Amino acid sequence: MDFLLAFVLTGLVACSGWIAWAVARAWARARDRRHELRLAQARSVAELRQAELTARVREQELANETYQDFVRRHPES
């Protein structure tokens, strides 16, 4: 039993560097993934905002065209 415990402990000590490296790599990947998700969410919010602003500008342009058309059709003498 002591031999088995010593064998397992030696194996863990020998592999502890690899285990620490794997844990650090997994943590870094998770952190990067969270960062990428936040960037994607911010990008989608920005795209939605840009689409809203474009729609408002187009709405204002159409209102202006309608007004200019009305002025052309009904000149005040």
PDB file of N, CA and C in Angstrom:
ATOM      1  N   MET A   1       0.822  -1.196   0.000  1.00  0.00           N
ATOM      2  CA  MET A   1       0.000   0.000   0.000  1.00  0.00           C
ATOM      3  C   MET A   1       0.865   1.258   0.000  1.00  0.00           C
ATOM      4  N   ASP A   2       1.930   1.222   0.817  1.00  0.00           N
ATOM      5  CA  ASP A   2       2.827   2.378   0.850  1.00  0.00           C
ATOM      6  C   ASP A   2       3.495   2.585  -0.510  1.00  0.00           C
ATOM      7  N   PHE A   3       3.839   1.465  -1.157  1.00  0.00           N
ATOM      8  CA  PHE A   3       4.460   1.560  -2.468  1.00  0.00           C
ATOM      9  C   PHE A   3       3.509   2.201  -3.466  1.00  0.00           C
ATOM     10  N   LEU A   4       2.253   1.821  -3.440  1.00  0.00           N
ATOM     11  CA  LEU A   4       1.260   2.378  -4.361  1.00  0.00           C
ATOM     12  C   LEU A   4       1.051   3.866  -4.105  1.00  0.00           C
ATOM     13  N   LEU A   5       0.965   4.238  -2.828  1.00  0.00           N
ATOM     14  CA  LEU A   5       0.824   5.653  -2.479  1.00  0.00           C
ATOM     15  C   LEU A   5       2.045   6.439  -2.931  1.00  0.00           C
ATOM     16  N   ALA A   6       3.233   5.905  -2.713  1.00  0.00           N
ATOM     17  CA  ALA A   6       4.458   6.574  -3.154  1.00  0.00           C
ATOM     18  C   ALA A   6       4.492   6.674  -4.672  1.00  0.00           C
ATOM     19  N   PHE A   7       4.051   5.633  -5.365  1.00  0.00           N
ATOM     20  CA  PHE A   7       4.022   5.640  -6.830  1.00  0.00           C
ATOM     21  C   PHE A   7       3.067   6.714  -7.358  1.00  0.00           C
ATOM     22  N   VAL A   8       1.883   6.792  -6.782  1.00  0.00           N
ATOM     23  CA  VAL A   8       0.893   7.789  -7.201  1.00  0.00           C
ATOM     24  C   VAL A   8       1.392   9.197  -6.896  1.00  0.00           C
ATOM     25  N   LEU A   9       1.958   9.386  -5.720  1.00  0.00           N
ATOM     26  CA  LEU A   9       2.472  10.696  -5.340  1.00  0.00           C
ATOM     27  C   LEU A   9       3.610  11.123  -6.263  1.00  0.00           C
ATOM     28  N   THR A  10       4.492  10.200  -6.599  1.00  0.00           N
ATOM     29  CA  THR A  10       5.587  10.496  -7.519  1.00  0.00           C
ATOM     30  C   THR A  10       5.033  10.854  -8.902  1.00  0.00           C
ATOM     31  N   GLY A  11       4.040  10.120  -9.327  1.00  0.00           N
ATOM     32  CA  GLY A  11       3.410  10.429 -10.615  1.00  0.00           C
ATOM     33  C   GLY A  11       2.767  11.805 -10.627  1.00  0.00           C
ATOM     34  N   LEU A  12       2.099  12.154  -9.549  1.00  0.00           N
ATOM     35  CA  LEU A  12       1.475  13.485  -9.462  1.00  0.00           C
ATOM     36  C   LEU A  12       2.519  14.589  -9.457  1.00  0.00           C
ATOM     37  N   VAL A  13       3.598  14.385  -8.737  1.00  0.00           N
ATOM     38  CA  VAL A  13       4.665  15.393  -8.704  1.00  0.00           C
ATOM     39  C   VAL A  13       5.296  15.524 -10.085  1.00  0.00           C
ATOM     40  N   ALA A  14       5.506  14.391 -10.735  1.00  0.00           N
ATOM     41  CA  ALA A  14       6.113  14.411 -12.068  1.00  0.00           C
ATOM     42  C   ALA A  14       5.198  15.090 -13.086  1.00  0.00           C
ATOM     43  N   CYS A  15       3.911  14.928 -12.938  1.00  0.00           N
ATOM     44  CA  CYS A  15       2.948  15.489 -13.895  1.00  0.00           C
ATOM     45  C   CYS A  15       2.372  16.834 -13.452  1.00  0.00           C
ATOM     46  N   SER A  16       2.752  17.320 -12.301  1.00  0.00           N
ATOM     47  CA  SER A  16       2.124  18.541 -11.791  1.00  0.00           C
ATOM     48  C   SER A  16       2.381  19.740 -12.690  1.00  0.00           C
ATOM     49  N   GLY A  17       3.525  19.784 -13.337  1.00  0.00           N
ATOM     50  CA  GLY A  17       3.802  20.875 -14.275  1.00  0.00           C
ATOM     51  C   GLY A  17       2.836  20.870 -15.435  1.00  0.00           C
ATOM     52  N   TRP A  18       2.595  19.667 -15.974  1.00  0.00           N
ATOM     53  CA  TRP A  18       1.649  19.545 -17.081  1.00  0.00           C
ATOM     54  C   TRP A  18       0.234  19.868 -16.637  1.00  0.00           C
ATOM     55  N   ILE A  19      -0.108  19.445 -15.439  1.00  0.00           N
ATOM     56  CA  ILE A  19      -1.448  19.729 -14.919  1.00  0.00           C
ATOM     57  C   ILE A  19      -1.624  21.232 -14.729  1.00  0.00           C
ATOM     58  N   ALA A  20      -0.621  21.884 -14.159  1.00  0.00           N
ATOM     59  CA  ALA A  20      -0.695  23.339 -13.970  1.00  0.00           C
ATOM     60  C   ALA A  20      -0.769  24.054 -15.309  1.00  0.00           C
ATOM     61  N   TRP A  21       0.017  23.573 -16.290  1.00  0.00           N
ATOM     62  CA  TRP A  21      -0.017  24.179 -17.622  1.00  0.00           C
ATOM     63  C   TRP A  21      -1.404  24.030 -18.244  1.00  0.00           C
ATOM     64  N   ALA A  22      -2.006  22.860 -18.112  1.00  0.00           N
ATOM     65  CA  ALA A  22      -3.331  22.616 -18.688  1.00  0.00           C
ATOM     66  C   ALA A  22      -4.392  23.487 -18.022  1.00  0.00           C
ATOM     67  N   VAL A  23      -4.297  23.617 -16.701  1.00  0.00           N
ATOM     68  CA  VAL A  23      -5.266  24.463 -15.991  1.00  0.00           C
ATOM     69  C   VAL A  23      -5.106  25.914 -16.419  1.00  0.00           C
ATOM     70  N   ALA A  24      -3.863  26.388 -16.514  1.00  0.00           N
ATOM     71  CA  ALA A  24      -3.629  27.776 -16.938  1.00  0.00           C
ATOM     72  C   ALA A  24      -4.120  27.997 -18.362  1.00  0.00           C
ATOM     73  N   ARG A  25      -3.893  27.039 -19.229  1.00  0.00           N
ATOM     74  CA  ARG A  25      -4.344  27.164 -20.625  1.00  0.00           C
ATOM     75  C   ARG A  25      -5.871  27.172 -20.707  1.00  0.00           C
ATOM     76  N   ALA A  26      -6.512  26.309 -19.945  1.00  0.00           N
ATOM     77  CA  ALA A  26      -7.979  26.279 -19.942  1.00  0.00           C
ATOM     78  C   ALA A  26      -8.535  27.598 -19.420  1.00  0.00           C
ATOM     79  N   TRP A  27      -7.914  28.135 -18.369  1.00  0.00           N
ATOM     80  CA  TRP A  27      -8.355  29.417 -17.823  1.00  0.00           C
ATOM     81  C   TRP A  27      -8.191  30.530 -18.860  1.00  0.00           C
ATOM     82  N   ALA A  28      -7.065  30.544 -19.548  1.00  0.00           N
ATOM     83  CA  ALA A  28      -6.821  31.566 -20.564  1.00  0.00           C
ATOM     84  C   ALA A  28      -7.822  31.444 -21.712  1.00  0.00           C
ATOM     85  N   ARG A  29      -8.111  30.218 -22.130  1.00  0.00           N
ATOM     86  CA  ARG A  29      -9.092  30.023 -23.212  1.00  0.00           C
ATOM     87  C   ARG A  29     -10.481  30.497 -22.784  1.00  0.00           C
ATOM     88  N   ALA A  30     -10.857  30.186 -21.565  1.00  0.00           N
ATOM     89  CA  ALA A  30     -12.168  30.628 -21.074  1.00  0.00           C
ATOM     90  C   ALA A  30     -12.226  32.145 -20.998  1.00  0.00           C
ATOM     91  N   ARG A  31     -11.143  32.762 -20.525  1.00  0.00           N
ATOM     92  CA  ARG A  31     -11.095  34.223 -20.438  1.00  0.00           C
ATOM     93  C   ARG A  31     -11.180  34.841 -21.837  1.00  0.00           C
ATOM     94  N   ASP A  32     -10.426  34.276 -22.783  1.00  0.00           N
ATOM     95  CA  ASP A  32     -10.471  34.788 -24.158  1.00  0.00           C
ATOM     96  C   ASP A  32     -11.853  34.617 -24.767  1.00  0.00           C
ATOM     97  N   ARG A  33     -12.484  33.496 -24.480  1.00  0.00           N
ATOM     98  CA  ARG A  33     -13.830  33.248 -25.024  1.00  0.00           C
ATOM     99  C   ARG A  33     -14.832  34.252 -24.461  1.00  0.00           C
ATOM    100  N   ARG A  34     -14.742  34.522 -23.149  1.00  0.00           N
ATOM    101  CA  ARG A  34     -15.636  35.527 -22.554  1.00  0.00           C
ATOM    102  C   ARG A  34     -15.388  36.893 -23.184  1.00  0.00           C
ATOM    103  N   HIS A  35     -14.127  37.216 -23.422  1.00  0.00           N
ATOM    104  CA  HIS A  35     -13.797  38.496 -24.044  1.00  0.00           C
ATOM    105  C   HIS A  35     -14.359  38.576 -25.465  1.00  0.00           C
ATOM    106  N   GLU A  36     -14.212  37.497 -26.225  1.00  0.00           N
ATOM    107  CA  GLU A  36     -14.752  37.465 -27.586  1.00  0.00           C
ATOM    108  C   GLU A  36     -16.268  37.599 -27.584  1.00  0.00           C
ATOM    109  N   LEU A  37     -16.924  36.958 -26.630  1.00  0.00           N
ATOM    110  CA  LEU A  37     -18.384  37.075 -26.537  1.00  0.00           C
ATOM    111  C   LEU A  37     -18.804  38.497 -26.225  1.00  0.00           C
ATOM    112  N   ARG A  38     -18.076  39.150 -25.298  1.00  0.00           N
ATOM    113  CA  ARG A  38     -18.399  40.546 -24.985  1.00  0.00           C
ATOM    114  C   ARG A  38     -18.196  41.441 -26.200  1.00  0.00           C
ATOM    115  N   LEU A  39     -17.123  41.207 -26.947  1.00  0.00           N
ATOM    116  CA  LEU A  39     -16.881  41.989 -28.162  1.00  0.00           C
ATOM    117  C   LEU A  39     -17.978  41.764 -29.197  1.00  0.00           C
ATOM    118  N   ALA A  40     -18.399  40.516 -29.359  1.00  0.00           N
ATOM    119  CA  ALA A  40     -19.457  40.208 -30.327  1.00  0.00           C
ATOM    120  C   ALA A  40     -20.771  40.871 -29.925  1.00  0.00           C
ATOM    121  N   GLN A  41     -21.069  40.862 -28.622  1.00  0.00           N
ATOM    122  CA  GLN A  41     -22.290  41.523 -28.153  1.00  0.00           C
ATOM    123  C   GLN A  41     -22.212  43.026 -28.395  1.00  0.00           C
ATOM    124  N   ALA A  42     -21.072  43.621 -28.093  1.00  0.00           N
ATOM    125  CA  ALA A  42     -20.903  45.065 -28.316  1.00  0.00           C
ATOM    126  C   ALA A  42     -21.008  45.386 -29.800  1.00  0.00           C
ATOM    127  N   ARG A  43     -20.439  44.523 -30.639  1.00  0.00           N
ATOM    128  CA  ARG A  43     -20.496  44.742 -32.081  1.00  0.00           C
ATOM    129  C   ARG A  43     -21.933  44.655 -32.586  1.00  0.00           C
ATOM    130  N   SER A  44     -22.698  43.696 -32.083  1.00  0.00           N
ATOM    131  CA  SER A  44     -24.086  43.566 -32.539  1.00  0.00           C
ATOM    132  C   SER A  44     -24.928  44.743 -32.065  1.00  0.00           C
ATOM    133  N   VAL A  45     -24.675  45.224 -30.840  1.00  0.00           N
ATOM    134  CA  VAL A  45     -25.391  46.403 -30.351  1.00  0.00           C
ATOM    135  C   VAL A  45     -25.046  47.610 -31.220  1.00  0.00           C
ATOM    136  N   ALA A  46     -23.770  47.747 -31.583  1.00  0.00           N
ATOM    137  CA  ALA A  46     -23.353  48.866 -32.430  1.00  0.00           C
ATOM    138  C   ALA A  46     -23.992  48.780 -33.815  1.00  0.00           C
ATOM    139  N   GLU A  47     -24.073  47.575 -34.357  1.00  0.00           N
ATOM    140  CA  GLU A  47     -24.707  47.412 -35.667  1.00  0.00           C
ATOM    141  C   GLU A  47     -26.193  47.750 -35.608  1.00  0.00           C
ATOM    142  N   LEU A  48     -26.864  47.330 -34.541  1.00  0.00           N
ATOM    143  CA  LEU A  48     -28.285  47.677 -34.388  1.00  0.00           C
ATOM    144  C   LEU A  48     -28.471  49.180 -34.275  1.00  0.00           C
ATOM    145  N   ARG A  49     -27.600  49.814 -33.486  1.00  0.00           N
ATOM    146  CA  ARG A  49     -27.678  51.272 -33.320  1.00  0.00           C
ATOM    147  C   ARG A  49     -27.432  51.975 -34.648  1.00  0.00           C
ATOM    148  N   GLN A  50     -26.463  51.478 -35.407  1.00  0.00           N
ATOM    149  CA  GLN A  50     -26.175  52.066 -36.716  1.00  0.00           C
ATOM    150  C   GLN A  50     -27.372  51.907 -37.651  1.00  0.00           C
ATOM    151  N   ALA A  51     -28.024  50.751 -37.606  1.00  0.00           N
ATOM    152  CA  ALA A  51     -29.205  50.532 -38.456  1.00  0.00           C
ATOM    153  C   ALA A  51     -30.335  51.474 -38.049  1.00  0.00           C
ATOM    154  N   GLU A  52     -30.509  51.675 -36.738  1.00  0.00           N
ATOM    155  CA  GLU A  52     -31.540  52.608 -36.271  1.00  0.00           C
ATOM    156  C   GLU A  52     -31.247  54.024 -36.737  1.00  0.00           C
ATOM    157  N   LEU A  53     -29.995  54.438 -36.625  1.00  0.00           N
ATOM    158  CA  LEU A  53     -29.631  55.787 -37.062  1.00  0.00           C
ATOM    159  C   LEU A  53     -29.804  55.950 -38.565  1.00  0.00           C
ATOM    160  N   THR A  54     -29.450  54.921 -39.317  1.00  0.00           N
ATOM    161  CA  THR A  54     -29.635  54.976 -40.770  1.00  0.00           C
ATOM    162  C   THR A  54     -31.118  55.079 -41.109  1.00  0.00           C
ATOM    163  N   ALA A  55     -31.954  54.349 -40.399  1.00  0.00           N
ATOM    164  CA  ALA A  55     -33.392  54.409 -40.647  1.00  0.00           C
ATOM    165  C   ALA A  55     -33.937  55.801 -40.316  1.00  0.00           C
ATOM    166  N   ARG A  56     -33.450  56.377 -39.221  1.00  0.00           N
ATOM    167  CA  ARG A  56     -33.907  57.734 -38.864  1.00  0.00           C
ATOM    168  C   ARG A  56     -33.482  58.762 -39.898  1.00  0.00           C
ATOM    169  N   VAL A  57     -32.239  58.636 -40.376  1.00  0.00           N
ATOM    170  CA  VAL A  57     -31.767  59.568 -41.405  1.00  0.00           C
ATOM    171  C   VAL A  57     -32.609  59.420 -42.655  1.00  0.00           C
ATOM    172  N   ARG A  58     -32.880  58.201 -43.068  1.00  0.00           N
ATOM    173  CA  ARG A  58     -33.706  57.974 -44.261  1.00  0.00           C
ATOM    174  C   ARG A  58     -35.112  58.520 -44.057  1.00  0.00           C
ATOM    175  N   GLU A  59     -35.651  58.354 -42.859  1.00  0.00           N
ATOM    176  CA  GLU A  59     -36.976  58.888 -42.549  1.00  0.00           C
ATOM    177  C   GLU A  59     -36.982  60.418 -42.665  1.00  0.00           C
ATOM    178  N   GLN A  60     -35.939  61.041 -42.167  1.00  0.00           N
ATOM    179  CA  GLN A  60     -35.847  62.506 -42.260  1.00  0.00           C
ATOM    180  C   GLN A  60     -35.669  62.962 -43.709  1.00  0.00           C
ATOM    181  N   GLU A  61     -34.882  62.197 -44.490  1.00  0.00           N
ATOM    182  CA  GLU A  61     -34.713  62.528 -45.901  1.00  0.00           C
ATOM    183  C   GLU A  61     -36.038  62.409 -46.649  1.00  0.00           C
ATOM    184  N   LEU A  62     -36.810  61.364 -46.346  1.00  0.00           N
ATOM    185  CA  LEU A  62     -38.112  61.218 -47.007  1.00  0.00           C
ATOM    186  C   LEU A  62     -39.061  62.345 -46.621  1.00  0.00           C
ATOM    187  N   ALA A  63     -39.024  62.738 -45.339  1.00  0.00           N
ATOM    188  CA  ALA A  63     -39.871  63.855 -44.911  1.00  0.00           C
ATOM    189  C   ALA A  63     -39.455  65.135 -45.623  1.00  0.00           C
ATOM    190  N   ASN A  64     -38.155  65.338 -45.768  1.00  0.00           N
ATOM    191  CA  ASN A  64     -37.667  66.525 -46.463  1.00  0.00           C
ATOM    192  C   ASN A  64     -38.057  66.490 -47.939  1.00  0.00           C
ATOM    193  N   GLU A  65     -37.932  65.328 -48.577  1.00  0.00           N
ATOM    194  CA  GLU A  65     -38.344  65.212 -49.976  1.00  0.00           C
ATOM    195  C   GLU A  65     -39.832  65.483 -50.129  1.00  0.00           C
ATOM    196  N   THR A  66     -40.647  64.977 -49.208  1.00  0.00           N
ATOM    197  CA  THR A  66     -42.087  65.222 -49.260  1.00  0.00           C
ATOM    198  C   THR A  66     -42.379  66.712 -49.125  1.00  0.00           C
ATOM    199  N   TYR A  67     -41.691  67.365 -48.195  1.00  0.00           N
ATOM    200  CA  TYR A  67     -41.881  68.802 -48.007  1.00  0.00           C
ATOM    201  C   TYR A  67     -41.448  69.568 -49.255  1.00  0.00           C
ATOM    202  N   GLN A  68     -40.282  69.226 -49.798  1.00  0.00           N
ATOM    203  CA  GLN A  68     -39.798  69.931 -51.000  1.00  0.00           C
ATOM    204  C   GLN A  68     -40.745  69.712 -52.178  1.00  0.00           C
ATOM    205  N   ASP A  69     -41.291  68.510 -52.298  1.00  0.00           N
ATOM    206  CA  ASP A  69     -42.259  68.235 -53.355  1.00  0.00           C
ATOM    207  C   ASP A  69     -43.514  69.076 -53.160  1.00  0.00           C
ATOM    208  N   PHE A  70     -43.977  69.188 -51.918  1.00  0.00           N
ATOM    209  CA  PHE A  70     -45.149  70.008 -51.630  1.00  0.00           C
ATOM    210  C   PHE A  70     -44.881  71.473 -51.992  1.00  0.00           C
ATOM    211  N   VAL A  71     -43.695  71.951 -51.637  1.00  0.00           N
ATOM    212  CA  VAL A  71     -43.349  73.349 -51.945  1.00  0.00           C
ATOM    213  C   VAL A  71     -43.297  73.557 -53.452  1.00  0.00           C
ATOM    214  N   ARG A  72     -42.745  72.606 -54.192  1.00  0.00           N
ATOM    215  CA  ARG A  72     -42.689  72.740 -55.659  1.00  0.00           C
ATOM    216  C   ARG A  72     -44.090  72.728 -56.273  1.00  0.00           C
ATOM    217  N   ARG A  73     -44.951  71.901 -55.742  1.00  0.00           N
ATOM    218  CA  ARG A  73     -46.296  71.766 -56.327  1.00  0.00           C
ATOM    219  C   ARG A  73     -47.218  72.921 -55.922  1.00  0.00           C
ATOM    220  N   HIS A  74     -46.952  73.520 -54.794  1.00  0.00           N
ATOM    221  CA  HIS A  74     -47.807  74.605 -54.318  1.00  0.00           C
ATOM    222  C   HIS A  74     -46.987  75.856 -54.031  1.00  0.00           C
ATOM    223  N   PRO A  75     -46.499  76.474 -55.070  1.00  0.00           N
ATOM    224  CA  PRO A  75     -45.708  77.695 -54.826  1.00  0.00           C
ATOM    225  C   PRO A  75     -46.611  78.816 -54.317  1.00  0.00           C
ATOM    226  N   GLU A  76     -46.080  79.522 -53.343  1.00  0.00           N
ATOM    227  CA  GLU A  76     -46.858  80.651 -52.811  1.00  0.00           C
ATOM    228  C   GLU A  76     -46.524  81.879 -53.624  1.00  0.00           C
ATOM    229  N   SER A  77     -47.560  82.468 -54.187  1.00  0.00           N
ATOM    230  CA  SER A  77     -47.355  83.604 -55.078  1.00  0.00           C
ATOM    231  C   SER A  77     -47.457  84.903 -54.335  1.00  0.00           C
TER     232      SER A  77
END
